[in-house]
């Protein structure tokens, strides 16, 4: 059996535009687009009480990671690290909910390890939570600019079918 290439599986959330994108980042810091949601997929994030919003975000991110993992397997790759990228707080983002969701994934997902980061327009990454012992800041910061640019353009991404529970 052929050894699978170890990559970072990065889930990029754009809560203002209500889309998610999941990509692979290899050892050379090359970003490979895998799957992107249709516009409006995360719109339930901005409605409902805090418990409903937290539950929605946890379940949607779990589904995003699963879709990404499935695509990696088909590319003869496997995740050595999950990276979830949350936006900096805006009118539509609640810092307590995002921190809770970040902590949830770092508590419950152990293999591969998880790092949850928050990004700003300046492309600076700040760690929210992590259960990873390996250094990752340089690798992720370098690849993030490319990921953010790719996510803004739907070309090159497999488009995920619309979710049933938006």
Foldseek 3Di string as FASTA:
>chain_A
DDQFFEWEWEWEDDVVQQKIWIWTQHPVRDTATEEIEDGNQRVCCQDDDLVSNLVVVLVVVVVVVVSSQVRSVVVRHHYLEYEYEAEDDDPRDDPVSLLVSQVVCQVPDVVSWYWYWYAYPVLDTDTSDTPDPDDCRVSCSVNVVVVVVVNVDCPNHHYDPHDPPD
